[in-house]
PDB file of all heavy atoms in Angstrom:
ATOM      1  N   ARG A   1      87.594 117.419 100.191  1.00  0.00           N
ATOM      2  CA  ARG A   1      87.571 116.181  99.593  1.00  0.00           C
ATOM      3  C   ARG A   1      88.788 115.465 100.130  1.00  0.00           C
ATOM      4  O   ARG A   1      89.928 116.000 100.093  1.00  0.00           O
ATOM      5  CB  ARG A   1      87.746 116.294  98.060  1.00  0.00           C
ATOM      6  CG  ARG A   1      87.524 114.944  97.420  1.00  0.00           C
ATOM      7  CD  ARG A   1      87.525 115.162  95.815  1.00  0.00           C
ATOM      8  NE  ARG A   1      86.322 116.052  95.461  1.00  0.00           N
ATOM      9  CZ  ARG A   1      85.071 115.613  95.255  1.00  0.00           C
ATOM     10  NH1 ARG A   1      84.766 114.339  95.681  1.00  0.00           N
ATOM     11  NH2 ARG A   1      84.235 116.376  94.946  1.00  0.00           N
ATOM     12  N   LEU A   2      88.485 114.229 100.656  1.00  0.00           N
ATOM     13  CA  LEU A   2      89.599 113.256 101.234  1.00  0.00           C
ATOM     14  C   LEU A   2      89.689 112.248 100.134  1.00  0.00           C
ATOM     15  O   LEU A   2      88.832 111.611  99.716  1.00  0.00           O
ATOM     16  CB  LEU A   2      89.054 112.656 102.495  1.00  0.00           C
ATOM     17  CG  LEU A   2      88.728 113.702 103.546  1.00  0.00           C
ATOM     18  CD1 LEU A   2      88.183 112.886 104.819  1.00  0.00           C
ATOM     19  CD2 LEU A   2      89.825 114.554 103.961  1.00  0.00           C
ATOM     20  N   ALA A   3      91.016 112.078  99.858  1.00  0.00           N
ATOM     21  CA  ALA A   3      91.553 111.137  98.936  1.00  0.00           C
ATOM     22  C   ALA A   3      91.448 109.740  99.470  1.00  0.00           C
ATOM     23  O   ALA A   3      91.519 109.535 100.655  1.00  0.00           O
ATOM     24  CB  ALA A   3      92.752 111.433  98.421  1.00  0.00           C
ATOM     25  N   PRO A   4      91.380 108.606  98.705  1.00  0.00           N
ATOM     26  CA  PRO A   4      91.456 107.235  99.162  1.00  0.00           C
ATOM     27  C   PRO A   4      92.701 107.118  99.925  1.00  0.00           C
ATOM     28  O   PRO A   4      93.729 107.683  99.648  1.00  0.00           O
ATOM     29  CB  PRO A   4      91.527 106.351  97.908  1.00  0.00           C
ATOM     30  CG  PRO A   4      90.775 107.117  96.888  1.00  0.00           C
ATOM     31  CD  PRO A   4      91.149 108.605  97.151  1.00  0.00           C
ATOM     32  N   GLN A   5      92.687 106.455 101.063  1.00  0.00           N
ATOM     33  CA  GLN A   5      93.771 106.339 102.049  1.00  0.00           C
ATOM     34  C   GLN A   5      93.750 105.162 102.913  1.00  0.00           C
ATOM     35  O   GLN A   5      92.649 104.685 103.196  1.00  0.00           O
ATOM     36  CB  GLN A   5      93.692 107.654 102.905  1.00  0.00           C
ATOM     37  CG  GLN A   5      94.629 107.730 103.995  1.00  0.00           C
ATOM     38  CD  GLN A   5      96.130 107.970 103.461  1.00  0.00           C
ATOM     39  OE1 GLN A   5      96.268 108.821 102.673  1.00  0.00           O
ATOM     40  NE2 GLN A   5      97.044 107.079 103.978  1.00  0.00           N
ATOM     41  N   ARG A   6      94.841 104.614 103.356  1.00  0.00           N
ATOM     42  CA  ARG A   6      94.844 103.530 104.351  1.00  0.00           C
ATOM     43  C   ARG A   6      94.831 104.225 105.741  1.00  0.00           C
ATOM     44  O   ARG A   6      95.389 105.215 106.040  1.00  0.00           O
ATOM     45  CB  ARG A   6      96.249 102.842 104.209  1.00  0.00           C
ATOM     46  CG  ARG A   6      96.380 101.638 105.291  1.00  0.00           C
ATOM     47  CD  ARG A   6      95.860 100.462 104.682  1.00  0.00           C
ATOM     48  NE  ARG A   6      96.272  99.313 105.368  1.00  0.00           N
ATOM     49  CZ  ARG A   6      95.630  98.206 105.492  1.00  0.00           C
ATOM     50  NH1 ARG A   6      94.448  98.125 104.800  1.00  0.00           N
ATOM     51  NH2 ARG A   6      96.008  97.253 106.243  1.00  0.00           N
ATOM     52  N   TYR A   7      93.937 103.558 106.477  1.00  0.00           N
ATOM     53  CA  TYR A   7      93.839 104.101 107.879  1.00  0.00           C
ATOM     54  C   TYR A   7      93.794 103.091 108.983  1.00  0.00           C
ATOM     55  O   TYR A   7      93.520 102.007 108.707  1.00  0.00           O
ATOM     56  CB  TYR A   7      92.259 104.832 108.019  1.00  0.00           C
ATOM     57  CG  TYR A   7      91.970 105.916 107.191  1.00  0.00           C
ATOM     58  CD1 TYR A   7      91.476 105.759 105.965  1.00  0.00           C
ATOM     59  CD2 TYR A   7      92.313 107.171 107.605  1.00  0.00           C
ATOM     60  CE1 TYR A   7      91.115 106.919 105.215  1.00  0.00           C
ATOM     61  CE2 TYR A   7      92.015 108.309 106.875  1.00  0.00           C
ATOM     62  CZ  TYR A   7      91.497 108.264 105.660  1.00  0.00           C
ATOM     63  OH  TYR A   7      91.130 109.321 105.052  1.00  0.00           O
ATOM     64  N   ALA A   8      94.441 103.581 110.051  1.00  0.00           N
ATOM     65  CA  ALA A   8      94.283 102.715 111.346  1.00  0.00           C
ATOM     66  C   ALA A   8      93.081 103.337 112.139  1.00  0.00           C
ATOM     67  O   ALA A   8      93.013 104.528 112.270  1.00  0.00           O
ATOM     68  CB  ALA A   8      95.505 103.030 112.212  1.00  0.00           C
ATOM     69  N   VAL A   9      91.977 102.419 112.328  1.00  0.00           N
ATOM     70  CA  VAL A   9      90.858 103.041 112.914  1.00  0.00           C
ATOM     71  C   VAL A   9      90.705 102.645 114.351  1.00  0.00           C
ATOM     72  O   VAL A   9      90.653 101.429 114.750  1.00  0.00           O
ATOM     73  CB  VAL A   9      89.609 102.487 112.133  1.00  0.00           C
ATOM     74  CG1 VAL A   9      88.242 103.067 112.715  1.00  0.00           C
ATOM     75  CG2 VAL A   9      89.754 102.881 110.624  1.00  0.00           C
ATOM     76  N   PHE A  10      90.617 103.579 115.270  1.00  0.00           N
ATOM     77  CA  PHE A  10      90.648 103.357 116.743  1.00  0.00           C
ATOM     78  C   PHE A  10      89.125 103.674 117.129  1.00  0.00           C
ATOM     79  O   PHE A  10      88.492 104.581 116.657  1.00  0.00           O
ATOM     80  CB  PHE A  10      91.547 104.237 117.399  1.00  0.00           C
ATOM     81  CG  PHE A  10      92.974 103.961 117.089  1.00  0.00           C
ATOM     82  CD1 PHE A  10      93.592 104.478 115.998  1.00  0.00           C
ATOM     83  CD2 PHE A  10      93.718 103.056 117.871  1.00  0.00           C
ATOM     84  CE1 PHE A  10      94.901 104.337 115.744  1.00  0.00           C
ATOM     85  CE2 PHE A  10      95.064 102.843 117.486  1.00  0.00           C
ATOM     86  CZ  PHE A  10      95.659 103.537 116.473  1.00  0.00           C
ATOM     87  N   THR A  11      88.685 102.914 118.256  1.00  0.00           N
ATOM     88  CA  THR A  11      87.479 103.352 118.960  1.00  0.00           C
ATOM     89  C   THR A  11      87.640 104.029 120.092  1.00  0.00           C
ATOM     90  O   THR A  11      88.480 103.634 121.004  1.00  0.00           O
ATOM     91  CB  THR A  11      86.779 101.883 119.152  1.00  0.00           C
ATOM     92  OG1 THR A  11      86.427 101.277 117.975  1.00  0.00           O
ATOM     93  CG2 THR A  11      85.347 102.213 119.811  1.00  0.00           C
ATOM     94  N   HIS A  12      86.997 105.118 120.169  1.00  0.00           N
ATOM     95  CA  HIS A  12      87.111 105.836 121.535  1.00  0.00           C
ATOM     96  C   HIS A  12      85.654 105.602 122.128  1.00  0.00           C
ATOM     97  O   HIS A  12      84.739 106.046 121.675  1.00  0.00           O
ATOM     98  CB  HIS A  12      87.146 107.369 121.287  1.00  0.00           C
ATOM     99  CG  HIS A  12      87.114 108.246 122.491  1.00  0.00           C
ATOM    100  ND1 HIS A  12      88.229 108.406 123.265  1.00  0.00           N
ATOM    101  CD2 HIS A  12      86.088 108.868 123.050  1.00  0.00           C
ATOM    102  CE1 HIS A  12      87.745 109.150 124.308  1.00  0.00           C
ATOM    103  NE2 HIS A  12      86.530 109.508 124.178  1.00  0.00           N
ATOM    104  N   ALA A  13      85.656 104.862 123.228  1.00  0.00           N
ATOM    105  CA  ALA A  13      84.619 104.394 123.931  1.00  0.00           C
ATOM    106  C   ALA A  13      84.178 105.211 125.091  1.00  0.00           C
ATOM    107  O   ALA A  13      83.054 105.186 125.619  1.00  0.00           O
ATOM    108  CB  ALA A  13      84.664 102.856 124.332  1.00  0.00           C
ATOM    109  N   GLU A  14      85.002 106.008 125.572  1.00  0.00           N
ATOM    110  CA  GLU A  14      84.854 106.927 126.792  1.00  0.00           C
ATOM    111  C   GLU A  14      83.919 108.059 126.414  1.00  0.00           C
ATOM    112  O   GLU A  14      83.703 108.392 125.235  1.00  0.00           O
ATOM    113  CB  GLU A  14      86.102 107.320 127.364  1.00  0.00           C
ATOM    114  CG  GLU A  14      87.090 106.095 127.851  1.00  0.00           C
ATOM    115  CD  GLU A  14      88.336 106.510 128.298  1.00  0.00           C
ATOM    116  OE1 GLU A  14      88.508 107.633 128.921  1.00  0.00           O
ATOM    117  OE2 GLU A  14      89.331 105.849 128.051  1.00  0.00           O
ATOM    118  N   HIS A  15      83.671 108.977 127.470  1.00  0.00           N
ATOM    119  CA  HIS A  15      83.015 110.119 127.124  1.00  0.00           C
ATOM    120  C   HIS A  15      83.943 110.973 126.257  1.00  0.00           C
ATOM    121  O   HIS A  15      85.142 110.964 126.305  1.00  0.00           O
ATOM    122  CB  HIS A  15      82.714 110.903 128.524  1.00  0.00           C
ATOM    123  CG  HIS A  15      81.929 112.183 128.461  1.00  0.00           C
ATOM    124  ND1 HIS A  15      82.478 113.350 128.061  1.00  0.00           N
ATOM    125  CD2 HIS A  15      80.568 112.318 128.500  1.00  0.00           C
ATOM    126  CE1 HIS A  15      81.448 114.356 128.135  1.00  0.00           C
ATOM    127  NE2 HIS A  15      80.449 113.727 128.195  1.00  0.00           N
ATOM    128  N   ILE A  16      83.122 111.843 125.480  1.00  0.00           N
ATOM    129  CA  ILE A  16      83.938 112.672 124.427  1.00  0.00           C
ATOM    130  C   ILE A  16      85.009 113.524 125.074  1.00  0.00           C
ATOM    131  O   ILE A  16      85.877 113.917 124.334  1.00  0.00           O
ATOM    132  CB  ILE A  16      82.976 113.547 123.579  1.00  0.00           C
ATOM    133  CG1 ILE A  16      83.605 114.219 122.475  1.00  0.00           C
ATOM    134  CG2 ILE A  16      82.151 114.494 124.367  1.00  0.00           C
ATOM    135  CD1 ILE A  16      83.220 113.973 121.162  1.00  0.00           C
ATOM    136  N   SER A  17      84.769 113.981 126.337  1.00  0.00           N
ATOM    137  CA  SER A  17      85.738 114.900 127.004  1.00  0.00           C
ATOM    138  C   SER A  17      87.045 114.153 127.239  1.00  0.00           C
ATOM    139  O   SER A  17      88.110 114.970 127.461  1.00  0.00           O
ATOM    140  CB  SER A  17      85.150 115.284 128.323  1.00  0.00           C
ATOM    141  OG  SER A  17      85.043 114.230 129.262  1.00  0.00           O
ATOM    142  N   ALA A  18      87.097 112.874 127.132  1.00  0.00           N
ATOM    143  CA  ALA A  18      88.361 112.247 127.355  1.00  0.00           C
ATOM    144  C   ALA A  18      89.155 112.025 125.887  1.00  0.00           C
ATOM    145  O   ALA A  18      90.158 111.373 125.929  1.00  0.00           O
ATOM    146  CB  ALA A  18      88.187 110.826 128.017  1.00  0.00           C
ATOM    147  N   VAL A  19      88.681 112.551 124.932  1.00  0.00           N
ATOM    148  CA  VAL A  19      89.295 112.251 123.491  1.00  0.00           C
ATOM    149  C   VAL A  19      90.600 112.681 123.427  1.00  0.00           C
ATOM    150  O   VAL A  19      91.449 112.011 122.681  1.00  0.00           O
ATOM    151  CB  VAL A  19      88.372 112.799 122.256  1.00  0.00           C
ATOM    152  CG1 VAL A  19      88.446 114.374 122.427  1.00  0.00           C
ATOM    153  CG2 VAL A  19      88.814 112.204 121.055  1.00  0.00           C
ATOM    154  N   ARG A  20      91.003 113.748 124.067  1.00  0.00           N
ATOM    155  CA  ARG A  20      92.368 114.131 124.014  1.00  0.00           C
ATOM    156  C   ARG A  20      93.374 113.046 124.461  1.00  0.00           C
ATOM    157  O   ARG A  20      94.429 112.916 123.874  1.00  0.00           O
ATOM    158  CB  ARG A  20      92.777 115.462 124.937  1.00  0.00           C
ATOM    159  CG  ARG A  20      94.074 116.080 124.751  1.00  0.00           C
ATOM    160  CD  ARG A  20      94.189 117.367 125.491  1.00  0.00           C
ATOM    161  NE  ARG A  20      95.451 117.928 125.341  1.00  0.00           N
ATOM    162  CZ  ARG A  20      95.730 119.082 124.713  1.00  0.00           C
ATOM    163  NH1 ARG A  20      94.881 119.664 124.112  1.00  0.00           N
ATOM    164  NH2 ARG A  20      96.995 119.408 124.607  1.00  0.00           N
ATOM    165  N   GLY A  21      93.063 112.397 125.540  1.00  0.00           N
ATOM    166  CA  GLY A  21      93.887 111.342 125.905  1.00  0.00           C
ATOM    167  C   GLY A  21      94.035 110.221 124.912  1.00  0.00           C
ATOM    168  O   GLY A  21      95.073 109.469 124.834  1.00  0.00           O
ATOM    169  N   THR A  22      92.965 109.991 124.167  1.00  0.00           N
ATOM    170  CA  THR A  22      93.013 108.986 123.153  1.00  0.00           C
ATOM    171  C   THR A  22      93.906 109.406 121.957  1.00  0.00           C
ATOM    172  O   THR A  22      94.791 108.609 121.441  1.00  0.00           O
ATOM    173  CB  THR A  22      91.589 108.684 122.533  1.00  0.00           C
ATOM    174  OG1 THR A  22      90.775 108.120 123.543  1.00  0.00           O
ATOM    175  CG2 THR A  22      91.645 107.608 121.522  1.00  0.00           C
ATOM    176  N   PHE A  23      93.803 110.706 121.508  1.00  0.00           N
ATOM    177  CA  PHE A  23      94.648 111.283 120.605  1.00  0.00           C
ATOM    178  C   PHE A  23      96.212 111.122 120.913  1.00  0.00           C
ATOM    179  O   PHE A  23      97.036 110.739 120.138  1.00  0.00           O
ATOM    180  CB  PHE A  23      94.327 112.629 120.120  1.00  0.00           C
ATOM    181  CG  PHE A  23      93.267 112.638 119.014  1.00  0.00           C
ATOM    182  CD1 PHE A  23      92.047 112.842 119.449  1.00  0.00           C
ATOM    183  CD2 PHE A  23      93.709 112.609 117.743  1.00  0.00           C
ATOM    184  CE1 PHE A  23      90.922 113.034 118.352  1.00  0.00           C
ATOM    185  CE2 PHE A  23      92.726 112.653 116.796  1.00  0.00           C
ATOM    186  CZ  PHE A  23      91.369 112.856 117.108  1.00  0.00           C
ATOM    187  N   MET A  24      96.478 111.516 122.257  1.00  0.00           N
ATOM    188  CA  MET A  24      97.806 111.425 122.685  1.00  0.00           C
ATOM    189  C   MET A  24      98.231 109.927 122.633  1.00  0.00           C
ATOM    190  O   MET A  24      99.447 109.698 122.298  1.00  0.00           O
ATOM    191  CB  MET A  24      97.867 112.005 124.203  1.00  0.00           C
ATOM    192  CG  MET A  24      97.734 113.561 124.105  1.00  0.00           C
ATOM    193  SD  MET A  24      97.726 114.162 125.860  1.00  0.00           S
ATOM    194  CE  MET A  24      99.467 113.894 126.217  1.00  0.00           C
ATOM    195  N   ALA A  25      97.544 108.988 123.109  1.00  0.00           N
ATOM    196  CA  ALA A  25      97.936 107.615 123.091  1.00  0.00           C
ATOM    197  C   ALA A  25      98.156 107.090 121.703  1.00  0.00           C
ATOM    198  O   ALA A  25      99.156 106.355 121.408  1.00  0.00           O
ATOM    199  CB  ALA A  25      96.908 106.633 123.789  1.00  0.00           C
ATOM    200  N   ILE A  26      97.387 107.533 120.797  1.00  0.00           N
ATOM    201  CA  ILE A  26      97.543 107.143 119.314  1.00  0.00           C
ATOM    202  C   ILE A  26      98.824 107.746 118.810  1.00  0.00           C
ATOM    203  O   ILE A  26      99.677 107.031 118.366  1.00  0.00           O
ATOM    204  CB  ILE A  26      96.404 107.594 118.441  1.00  0.00           C
ATOM    205  CG1 ILE A  26      95.102 106.875 118.824  1.00  0.00           C
ATOM    206  CG2 ILE A  26      96.817 107.540 116.913  1.00  0.00           C
ATOM    207  CD1 ILE A  26      93.890 107.325 118.089  1.00  0.00           C
ATOM    208  N   PHE A  27      99.059 109.130 118.926  1.00  0.00           N
ATOM    209  CA  PHE A  27     100.206 109.620 118.202  1.00  0.00           C
ATOM    210  C   PHE A  27     101.474 109.565 119.025  1.00  0.00           C
ATOM    211  O   PHE A  27     102.558 109.612 118.434  1.00  0.00           O
ATOM    212  CB  PHE A  27      99.900 111.083 117.862  1.00  0.00           C
ATOM    213  CG  PHE A  27      98.857 111.168 116.695  1.00  0.00           C
ATOM    214  CD1 PHE A  27      97.548 111.473 116.969  1.00  0.00           C
ATOM    215  CD2 PHE A  27      99.293 110.993 115.479  1.00  0.00           C
ATOM    216  CE1 PHE A  27      96.621 111.445 115.992  1.00  0.00           C
ATOM    217  CE2 PHE A  27      98.407 111.068 114.348  1.00  0.00           C
ATOM    218  CZ  PHE A  27      97.083 111.238 114.636  1.00  0.00           C
ATOM    219  N   ASN A  28     101.417 109.539 120.330  1.00  0.00           N
ATOM    220  CA  ASN A  28     102.700 109.519 121.143  1.00  0.00           C
ATOM    221  C   ASN A  28     103.149 108.156 121.567  1.00  0.00           C
ATOM    222  O   ASN A  28     104.336 107.912 121.777  1.00  0.00           O
ATOM    223  CB  ASN A  28     102.433 110.291 122.484  1.00  0.00           C
ATOM    224  CG  ASN A  28     102.270 111.897 122.175  1.00  0.00           C
ATOM    225  OD1 ASN A  28     102.528 112.462 121.124  1.00  0.00           O
ATOM    226  ND2 ASN A  28     101.632 112.527 123.135  1.00  0.00           N
ATOM    227  N   ASP A  29     102.274 107.325 121.462  1.00  0.00           N
ATOM    228  CA  ASP A  29     102.444 105.789 121.879  1.00  0.00           C
ATOM    229  C   ASP A  29     102.406 104.774 120.793  1.00  0.00           C
ATOM    230  O   ASP A  29     103.339 104.219 120.384  1.00  0.00           O
ATOM    231  CB  ASP A  29     101.708 105.374 123.080  1.00  0.00           C
ATOM    232  CG  ASP A  29     101.885 106.331 124.399  1.00  0.00           C
ATOM    233  OD1 ASP A  29     102.855 106.962 124.595  1.00  0.00           O
ATOM    234  OD2 ASP A  29     100.833 106.383 125.202  1.00  0.00           O
ATOM    235  N   TRP A  30     101.161 104.711 120.253  1.00  0.00           N
ATOM    236  CA  TRP A  30     100.923 103.680 119.299  1.00  0.00           C
ATOM    237  C   TRP A  30     101.611 103.869 117.984  1.00  0.00           C
ATOM    238  O   TRP A  30     102.351 102.927 117.551  1.00  0.00           O
ATOM    239  CB  TRP A  30      99.344 103.437 118.926  1.00  0.00           C
ATOM    240  CG  TRP A  30      99.134 102.456 117.946  1.00  0.00           C
ATOM    241  CD1 TRP A  30      98.890 101.022 118.266  1.00  0.00           C
ATOM    242  CD2 TRP A  30      98.945 102.617 116.574  1.00  0.00           C
ATOM    243  NE1 TRP A  30      98.753 100.382 117.042  1.00  0.00           N
ATOM    244  CE2 TRP A  30      98.715 101.344 116.119  1.00  0.00           C
ATOM    245  CE3 TRP A  30      99.077 103.690 115.660  1.00  0.00           C
ATOM    246  CZ2 TRP A  30      98.649 101.128 114.788  1.00  0.00           C
ATOM    247  CZ3 TRP A  30      98.930 103.556 114.401  1.00  0.00           C
ATOM    248  CH2 TRP A  30      98.724 102.219 113.929  1.00  0.00           C
ATOM    249  N   LEU A  31     101.461 105.020 117.390  1.00  0.00           N
ATOM    250  CA  LEU A  31     102.120 105.300 116.053  1.00  0.00           C
ATOM    251  C   LEU A  31     103.739 105.008 116.101  1.00  0.00           C
ATOM    252  O   LEU A  31     104.162 104.303 115.345  1.00  0.00           O
ATOM    253  CB  LEU A  31     101.729 106.590 115.602  1.00  0.00           C
ATOM    254  CG  LEU A  31     102.149 106.938 114.047  1.00  0.00           C
ATOM    255  CD1 LEU A  31     101.425 105.914 113.189  1.00  0.00           C
ATOM    256  CD2 LEU A  31     101.557 108.382 113.679  1.00  0.00           C
ATOM    257  N   PRO A  32     104.415 105.569 117.001  1.00  0.00           N
ATOM    258  CA  PRO A  32     105.831 105.349 117.014  1.00  0.00           C
ATOM    259  C   PRO A  32     106.244 103.936 117.274  1.00  0.00           C
ATOM    260  O   PRO A  32     107.318 103.560 116.745  1.00  0.00           O
ATOM    261  CB  PRO A  32     106.274 106.267 118.183  1.00  0.00           C
ATOM    262  CG  PRO A  32     105.246 107.196 118.416  1.00  0.00           C
ATOM    263  CD  PRO A  32     103.972 106.668 118.092  1.00  0.00           C
ATOM    264  N   GLN A  33     105.363 103.060 117.797  1.00  0.00           N
ATOM    265  CA  GLN A  33     105.617 101.745 118.132  1.00  0.00           C
ATOM    266  C   GLN A  33     105.108 100.752 117.064  1.00  0.00           C
ATOM    267  O   GLN A  33     105.315  99.536 117.099  1.00  0.00           O
ATOM    268  CB  GLN A  33     105.128 101.260 119.479  1.00  0.00           C
ATOM    269  CG  GLN A  33     105.808 102.084 120.686  1.00  0.00           C
ATOM    270  CD  GLN A  33     105.016 101.814 121.867  1.00  0.00           C
ATOM    271  OE1 GLN A  33     104.325 100.919 122.075  1.00  0.00           O
ATOM    272  NE2 GLN A  33     105.293 102.673 122.998  1.00  0.00           N
ATOM    273  N   SER A  34     104.302 101.269 116.194  1.00  0.00           N
ATOM    274  CA  SER A  34     103.510 100.460 115.204  1.00  0.00           C
ATOM    275  C   SER A  34     104.305  99.969 114.033  1.00  0.00           C
ATOM    276  O   SER A  34     103.806  99.077 113.334  1.00  0.00           O
ATOM    277  CB  SER A  34     102.292 101.226 114.800  1.00  0.00           C
ATOM    278  OG  SER A  34     102.716 102.321 113.772  1.00  0.00           O
ATOM    279  N   GLY A  35     105.531 100.589 113.722  1.00  0.00           N
ATOM    280  CA  GLY A  35     106.249 100.343 112.495  1.00  0.00           C
ATOM    281  C   GLY A  35     105.582 101.086 111.294  1.00  0.00           C
ATOM    282  O   GLY A  35     106.107 100.937 110.310  1.00  0.00           O
ATOM    283  N   LEU A  36     104.470 101.912 111.519  1.00  0.00           N
ATOM    284  CA  LEU A  36     103.882 102.719 110.451  1.00  0.00           C
ATOM    285  C   LEU A  36     104.248 104.185 110.658  1.00  0.00           C
ATOM    286  O   LEU A  36     104.829 104.438 111.793  1.00  0.00           O
ATOM    287  CB  LEU A  36     102.436 102.442 110.548  1.00  0.00           C
ATOM    288  CG  LEU A  36     101.932 101.066 110.262  1.00  0.00           C
ATOM    289  CD1 LEU A  36     100.384 101.004 110.576  1.00  0.00           C
ATOM    290  CD2 LEU A  36     102.222 100.550 108.792  1.00  0.00           C
ATOM    291  N   HIS A  37     103.885 104.946 109.758  1.00  0.00           N
ATOM    292  CA  HIS A  37     104.139 106.414 109.845  1.00  0.00           C
ATOM    293  C   HIS A  37     102.827 107.065 109.479  1.00  0.00           C
ATOM    294  O   HIS A  37     102.008 106.514 108.753  1.00  0.00           O
ATOM    295  CB  HIS A  37     105.255 106.833 108.911  1.00  0.00           C
ATOM    296  CG  HIS A  37     106.567 106.263 108.974  1.00  0.00           C
ATOM    297  ND1 HIS A  37     107.409 106.599 109.993  1.00  0.00           N
ATOM    298  CD2 HIS A  37     107.154 105.196 108.413  1.00  0.00           C
ATOM    299  CE1 HIS A  37     108.508 105.748 109.850  1.00  0.00           C
ATOM    300  NE2 HIS A  37     108.402 104.907 108.992  1.00  0.00           N
ATOM    301  N   GLY A  38     102.641 108.331 110.153  1.00  0.00           N
ATOM    302  CA  GLY A  38     101.471 109.001 109.776  1.00  0.00           C
ATOM    303  C   GLY A  38     101.466 109.441 108.353  1.00  0.00           C
ATOM    304  O   GLY A  38     102.593 110.083 107.788  1.00  0.00           O
ATOM    305  N   ALA A  39     100.516 109.340 107.547  1.00  0.00           N
ATOM    306  CA  ALA A  39     100.480 109.766 106.155  1.00  0.00           C
ATOM    307  C   ALA A  39     100.111 111.375 106.165  1.00  0.00           C
ATOM    308  O   ALA A  39      99.451 111.771 107.086  1.00  0.00           O
ATOM    309  CB  ALA A  39      99.584 108.997 105.346  1.00  0.00           C
ATOM    310  N   ASP A  40     100.521 112.040 105.167  1.00  0.00           N
ATOM    311  CA  ASP A  40     100.181 113.504 104.949  1.00  0.00           C
ATOM    312  C   ASP A  40      98.797 113.543 104.481  1.00  0.00           C
ATOM    313  O   ASP A  40      98.584 113.792 103.424  1.00  0.00           O
ATOM    314  CB  ASP A  40     101.187 114.101 104.101  1.00  0.00           C
ATOM    315  CG  ASP A  40     101.055 115.633 104.000  1.00  0.00           C
ATOM    316  OD1 ASP A  40     100.348 116.175 104.983  1.00  0.00           O
ATOM    317  OD2 ASP A  40     101.478 116.295 103.146  1.00  0.00           O
ATOM    318  N   ALA A  41      97.827 113.390 105.411  1.00  0.00           N
ATOM    319  CA  ALA A  41      96.429 113.347 105.031  1.00  0.00           C
ATOM    320  C   ALA A  41      95.544 113.752 106.243  1.00  0.00           C
ATOM    321  O   ALA A  41      96.103 113.748 107.457  1.00  0.00           O
ATOM    322  CB  ALA A  41      95.977 112.027 104.479  1.00  0.00           C
ATOM    323  N   ALA A  42      94.397 114.117 106.210  1.00  0.00           N
ATOM    324  CA  ALA A  42      93.508 114.465 107.242  1.00  0.00           C
ATOM    325  C   ALA A  42      93.205 113.307 108.119  1.00  0.00           C
ATOM    326  O   ALA A  42      93.064 112.115 107.765  1.00  0.00           O
ATOM    327  CB  ALA A  42      92.161 115.095 106.645  1.00  0.00           C
ATOM    328  N   VAL A  43      93.129 113.575 109.532  1.00  0.00           N
ATOM    329  CA  VAL A  43      92.684 112.751 110.461  1.00  0.00           C
ATOM    330  C   VAL A  43      91.191 113.061 110.793  1.00  0.00           C
ATOM    331  O   VAL A  43      90.893 114.183 110.700  1.00  0.00           O
ATOM    332  CB  VAL A  43      93.642 112.890 111.814  1.00  0.00           C
ATOM    333  CG1 VAL A  43      92.862 112.089 112.955  1.00  0.00           C
ATOM    334  CG2 VAL A  43      94.950 112.509 111.570  1.00  0.00           C
ATOM    335  N   PHE A  44      90.437 112.008 110.939  1.00  0.00           N
ATOM    336  CA  PHE A  44      88.935 112.388 111.246  1.00  0.00           C
ATOM    337  C   PHE A  44      88.286 111.406 112.230  1.00  0.00           C
ATOM    338  O   PHE A  44      88.791 110.314 112.538  1.00  0.00           O
ATOM    339  CB  PHE A  44      88.111 112.393 109.962  1.00  0.00           C
ATOM    340  CG  PHE A  44      87.953 111.147 109.200  1.00  0.00           C
ATOM    341  CD1 PHE A  44      86.995 110.325 109.500  1.00  0.00           C
ATOM    342  CD2 PHE A  44      88.808 110.881 108.186  1.00  0.00           C
ATOM    343  CE1 PHE A  44      86.750 109.117 108.793  1.00  0.00           C
ATOM    344  CE2 PHE A  44      88.552 109.665 107.328  1.00  0.00           C
ATOM    345  CZ  PHE A  44      87.582 108.843 107.772  1.00  0.00           C
TER     346      PHE A  44
END
């Protein structure tokens, strides 16, 4: 069960095999520069 939560929703448009690069860009680049913090909740 996932509780109500605020999300940043990204589109991954490339082949699924490239998803690791998207996750790295989100967590290593975008999130630290966004002024937001990751919440203690599931990523999906």
